[in-house]
C-alpha atoms as a PDB file:
ATOM      1  CA  UNK A   1      11.385  38.035  27.495  1.00  0.00           C
ATOM      2  CA  UNK A   2      10.500  41.114  29.638  1.00  0.00           C
ATOM      3  CA  UNK A   3       8.080  42.336  26.922  1.00  0.00           C
ATOM      4  CA  UNK A   4       6.513  38.953  26.396  1.00  0.00           C
ATOM      5  CA  UNK A   5       5.888  38.283  30.161  1.00  0.00           C
ATOM      6  CA  UNK A   6       6.116  41.714  31.868  1.00  0.00           C
ATOM      7  CA  UNK A   7       5.145  39.987  35.381  1.00  0.00           C
ATOM      8  CA  UNK A   8       8.717  38.145  35.265  1.00  0.00           C
ATOM      9  CA  UNK A   9      10.946  41.321  35.089  1.00  0.00           C
ATOM     10  CA  UNK A  10      13.513  42.084  38.012  1.00  0.00           C
ATOM     11  CA  UNK A  11      11.726  45.312  38.470  1.00  0.00           C
ATOM     12  CA  UNK A  12       8.355  43.656  38.918  1.00  0.00           C
ATOM     13  CA  UNK A  13       9.811  40.955  41.210  1.00  0.00           C
ATOM     14  CA  UNK A  14      11.493  43.474  43.312  1.00  0.00           C
ATOM     15  CA  UNK A  15       8.523  45.550  43.806  1.00  0.00           C
ATOM     16  CA  UNK A  16       6.434  42.467  44.677  1.00  0.00           C
ATOM     17  CA  UNK A  17       8.780  41.387  47.472  1.00  0.00           C
ATOM     18  CA  UNK A  18       7.970  44.454  49.604  1.00  0.00           C
ATOM     19  CA  UNK A  19       8.827  43.045  52.961  1.00  0.00           C
ATOM     20  CA  UNK A  20      12.563  41.908  52.592  1.00  0.00           C
ATOM     21  CA  UNK A  21      13.952  40.002  55.687  1.00  0.00           C
ATOM     22  CA  UNK A  22      17.460  38.797  56.444  1.00  0.00           C
ATOM     23  CA  UNK A  23      18.648  36.726  59.220  1.00  0.00           C
ATOM     24  CA  UNK A  24      20.837  38.513  61.916  1.00  0.00           C
ATOM     25  CA  UNK A  25      23.906  36.544  62.718  1.00  0.00           C
ATOM     26  CA  UNK A  26      24.350  38.193  65.955  1.00  0.00           C
ATOM     27  CA  UNK A  27      21.167  37.687  67.334  1.00  0.00           C
ATOM     28  CA  UNK A  28      20.429  34.002  66.604  1.00  0.00           C
ATOM     29  CA  UNK A  29      17.148  33.296  65.018  1.00  0.00           C
ATOM     30  CA  UNK A  30      16.006  36.956  64.885  1.00  0.00           C
ATOM     31  CA  UNK A  31      14.809  38.728  61.507  1.00  0.00           C
ATOM     32  CA  UNK A  32      15.074  42.179  60.844  1.00  0.00           C
ATOM     33  CA  UNK A  33      13.650  44.089  57.837  1.00  0.00           C
ATOM     34  CA  UNK A  34      15.854  45.707  55.522  1.00  0.00           C
ATOM     35  CA  UNK A  35      15.179  49.491  54.766  1.00  0.00           C
ATOM     36  CA  UNK A  36      17.003  49.527  51.293  1.00  0.00           C
ATOM     37  CA  UNK A  37      16.449  51.722  48.224  1.00  0.00           C
ATOM     38  CA  UNK A  38      17.847  49.204  45.904  1.00  0.00           C
ATOM     39  CA  UNK A  39      18.317  45.527  45.371  1.00  0.00           C
ATOM     40  CA  UNK A  40      21.117  43.430  43.995  1.00  0.00           C
ATOM     41  CA  UNK A  41      20.276  40.387  42.125  1.00  0.00           C
ATOM     42  CA  UNK A  42      22.412  37.408  41.107  1.00  0.00           C
ATOM     43  CA  UNK A  43      21.148  36.058  38.181  1.00  0.00           C
ATOM     44  CA  UNK A  44      22.108  32.656  36.998  1.00  0.00           C
ATOM     45  CA  UNK A  45      22.595  31.985  33.100  1.00  0.00           C
ATOM     46  CA  UNK A  46      23.412  28.686  32.789  1.00  0.00           C
ATOM     47  CA  UNK A  47      20.402  27.867  30.582  1.00  0.00           C
ATOM     48  CA  UNK A  48      20.040  29.566  27.339  1.00  0.00           C
ATOM     49  CA  UNK A  49      17.123  28.523  25.174  1.00  0.00           C
ATOM     50  CA  UNK A  50      17.759  27.685  21.692  1.00  0.00           C
ATOM     51  CA  UNK A  51      15.133  28.203  18.988  1.00  0.00           C
ATOM     52  CA  UNK A  52      15.144  25.893  15.743  1.00  0.00           C
ATOM     53  CA  UNK A  53      14.653  26.868  12.272  1.00  0.00           C
ATOM     54  CA  UNK A  54      11.483  25.289  10.765  1.00  0.00           C
ATOM     55  CA  UNK A  55      12.427  26.202   7.193  1.00  0.00           C
ATOM     56  CA  UNK A  56      15.396  27.748   5.233  1.00  0.00           C
ATOM     57  CA  UNK A  57      14.934  31.546   4.617  1.00  0.00           C
ATOM     58  CA  UNK A  58      14.209  32.163   1.048  1.00  0.00           C
ATOM     59  CA  UNK A  59      16.225  35.678   0.780  1.00  0.00           C
ATOM     60  CA  UNK A  60      19.455  36.473   1.730  1.00  0.00           C
ATOM     61  CA  UNK A  61      18.677  40.090   2.746  1.00  0.00           C
ATOM     62  CA  UNK A  62      21.008  41.696   0.114  1.00  0.00           C
ATOM     63  CA  UNK A  63      20.948  45.791   0.125  1.00  0.00           C
ATOM     64  CA  UNK A  64      19.099  45.661   3.640  1.00  0.00           C
ATOM     65  CA  UNK A  65      16.113  43.736   2.420  1.00  0.00           C
ATOM     66  CA  UNK A  66      13.868  42.024   5.022  1.00  0.00           C
ATOM     67  CA  UNK A  67      14.346  38.373   5.477  1.00  0.00           C
ATOM     68  CA  UNK A  68      11.401  36.061   6.562  1.00  0.00           C
ATOM     69  CA  UNK A  69      12.722  33.316   8.802  1.00  0.00           C
ATOM     70  CA  UNK A  70      10.598  30.461  10.137  1.00  0.00           C
ATOM     71  CA  UNK A  71      11.075  29.089  13.760  1.00  0.00           C
ATOM     72  CA  UNK A  72       9.148  25.969  15.301  1.00  0.00           C
ATOM     73  CA  UNK A  73       7.945  28.149  18.159  1.00  0.00           C
ATOM     74  CA  UNK A  74       6.722  31.666  18.928  1.00  0.00           C
ATOM     75  CA  UNK A  75       9.795  33.285  20.899  1.00  0.00           C
ATOM     76  CA  UNK A  76      11.129  36.393  19.298  1.00  0.00           C
ATOM     77  CA  UNK A  77       9.075  39.463  19.400  1.00  0.00           C
ATOM     78  CA  UNK A  78       9.232  43.024  17.489  1.00  0.00           C
ATOM     79  CA  UNK A  79      12.343  44.919  18.292  1.00  0.00           C
ATOM     80  CA  UNK A  80      14.178  41.623  19.659  1.00  0.00           C
ATOM     81  CA  UNK A  81      17.983  40.901  18.556  1.00  0.00           C
ATOM     82  CA  UNK A  82      18.918  37.316  18.241  1.00  0.00           C
ATOM     83  CA  UNK A  83      22.069  35.403  17.259  1.00  0.00           C
ATOM     84  CA  UNK A  84      22.222  32.626  14.627  1.00  0.00           C
ATOM     85  CA  UNK A  85      24.509  30.000  16.494  1.00  0.00           C
ATOM     86  CA  UNK A  86      26.324  28.556  13.377  1.00  0.00           C
ATOM     87  CA  UNK A  87      27.220  31.690  11.848  1.00  0.00           C
ATOM     88  CA  UNK A  88      27.245  34.365  14.540  1.00  0.00           C
ATOM     89  CA  UNK A  89      25.119  36.878  12.493  1.00  0.00           C
ATOM     90  CA  UNK A  90      22.852  39.000  14.389  1.00  0.00           C
ATOM     91  CA  UNK A  91      19.339  39.814  13.299  1.00  0.00           C
ATOM     92  CA  UNK A  92      16.658  42.462  14.357  1.00  0.00           C
ATOM     93  CA  UNK A  93      12.975  41.580  14.445  1.00  0.00           C
ATOM     94  CA  UNK A  94      11.138  44.310  12.451  1.00  0.00           C
ATOM     95  CA  UNK A  95       7.513  42.902  12.746  1.00  0.00           C
ATOM     96  CA  UNK A  96       5.564  40.858  14.977  1.00  0.00           C
ATOM     97  CA  UNK A  97       5.721  36.973  14.494  1.00  0.00           C
ATOM     98  CA  UNK A  98       2.893  35.461  12.404  1.00  0.00           C
ATOM     99  CA  UNK A  99       1.458  32.045  13.273  1.00  0.00           C
ATOM    100  CA  UNK A 100       1.333  29.635   9.842  1.00  0.00           C
ATOM    101  CA  UNK A 101       0.759  26.353  11.989  1.00  0.00           C
ATOM    102  CA  UNK A 102       1.194  25.134  15.580  1.00  0.00           C
ATOM    103  CA  UNK A 103       4.755  24.719  15.181  1.00  0.00           C
ATOM    104  CA  UNK A 104       5.588  27.121  12.375  1.00  0.00           C
ATOM    105  CA  UNK A 105       6.073  31.002  12.995  1.00  0.00           C
ATOM    106  CA  UNK A 106       7.288  33.288  10.579  1.00  0.00           C
ATOM    107  CA  UNK A 107       9.293  36.270  11.823  1.00  0.00           C
ATOM    108  CA  UNK A 108      10.502  39.285   9.637  1.00  0.00           C
ATOM    109  CA  UNK A 109      14.088  40.545  10.295  1.00  0.00           C
ATOM    110  CA  UNK A 110      17.137  42.436   8.932  1.00  0.00           C
ATOM    111  CA  UNK A 111      20.486  41.688   9.314  1.00  0.00           C
ATOM    112  CA  UNK A 112      22.582  43.875  11.907  1.00  0.00           C
ATOM    113  CA  UNK A 113      25.641  45.253   9.795  1.00  0.00           C
ATOM    114  CA  UNK A 114      27.451  48.567   9.176  1.00  0.00           C
ATOM    115  CA  UNK A 115      26.323  48.713   5.893  1.00  0.00           C
ATOM    116  CA  UNK A 116      24.026  46.810   3.235  1.00  0.00           C
ATOM    117  CA  UNK A 117      27.169  44.784   1.986  1.00  0.00           C
ATOM    118  CA  UNK A 118      26.332  41.860   4.289  1.00  0.00           C
ATOM    119  CA  UNK A 119      24.020  38.980   3.186  1.00  0.00           C
ATOM    120  CA  UNK A 120      22.485  36.076   5.222  1.00  0.00           C
ATOM    121  CA  UNK A 121      24.793  32.961   5.244  1.00  0.00           C
ATOM    122  CA  UNK A 122      22.138  30.285   4.724  1.00  0.00           C
ATOM    123  CA  UNK A 123      24.484  27.465   5.539  1.00  0.00           C
ATOM    124  CA  UNK A 124      23.688  28.274   9.319  1.00  0.00           C
ATOM    125  CA  UNK A 125      19.952  28.477   8.654  1.00  0.00           C
ATOM    126  CA  UNK A 126      19.090  25.045   7.857  1.00  0.00           C
ATOM    127  CA  UNK A 127      16.046  23.237   9.349  1.00  0.00           C
ATOM    128  CA  UNK A 128      17.066  22.164  12.848  1.00  0.00           C
ATOM    129  CA  UNK A 129      19.840  24.676  13.399  1.00  0.00           C
ATOM    130  CA  UNK A 130      19.375  27.097  16.213  1.00  0.00           C
ATOM    131  CA  UNK A 131      19.569  30.588  17.268  1.00  0.00           C
ATOM    132  CA  UNK A 132      19.512  32.222  20.556  1.00  0.00           C
ATOM    133  CA  UNK A 133      18.249  35.708  22.110  1.00  0.00           C
END
């Protein structure tokens, strides 16, 4: 997501804050500036977006071949890695997504594995099944 929306990265938000203040407990309602060289963030991850398949892939990626997957929205970009929820397999995006319709995006991927023996389990890539970043 940081490549898709560079203005929403933690680095950008930290630099944008510039003047950080905290409330001093001893002095009542006084605020003092913080002179810190780093910031700690608490990130909530209670919502993980799921991206649905729009079509079943035609190939299974045998021998390291590229697989064209279709999704209902543009979410994954080149160099992203995502996981297929049903099977647990991971895919690496090797090209920019191609728009075929408003709700149909083709993404070219390769399976992540130690060798080229693995193939895509198509039972987890049916229309409506999900993936996650």
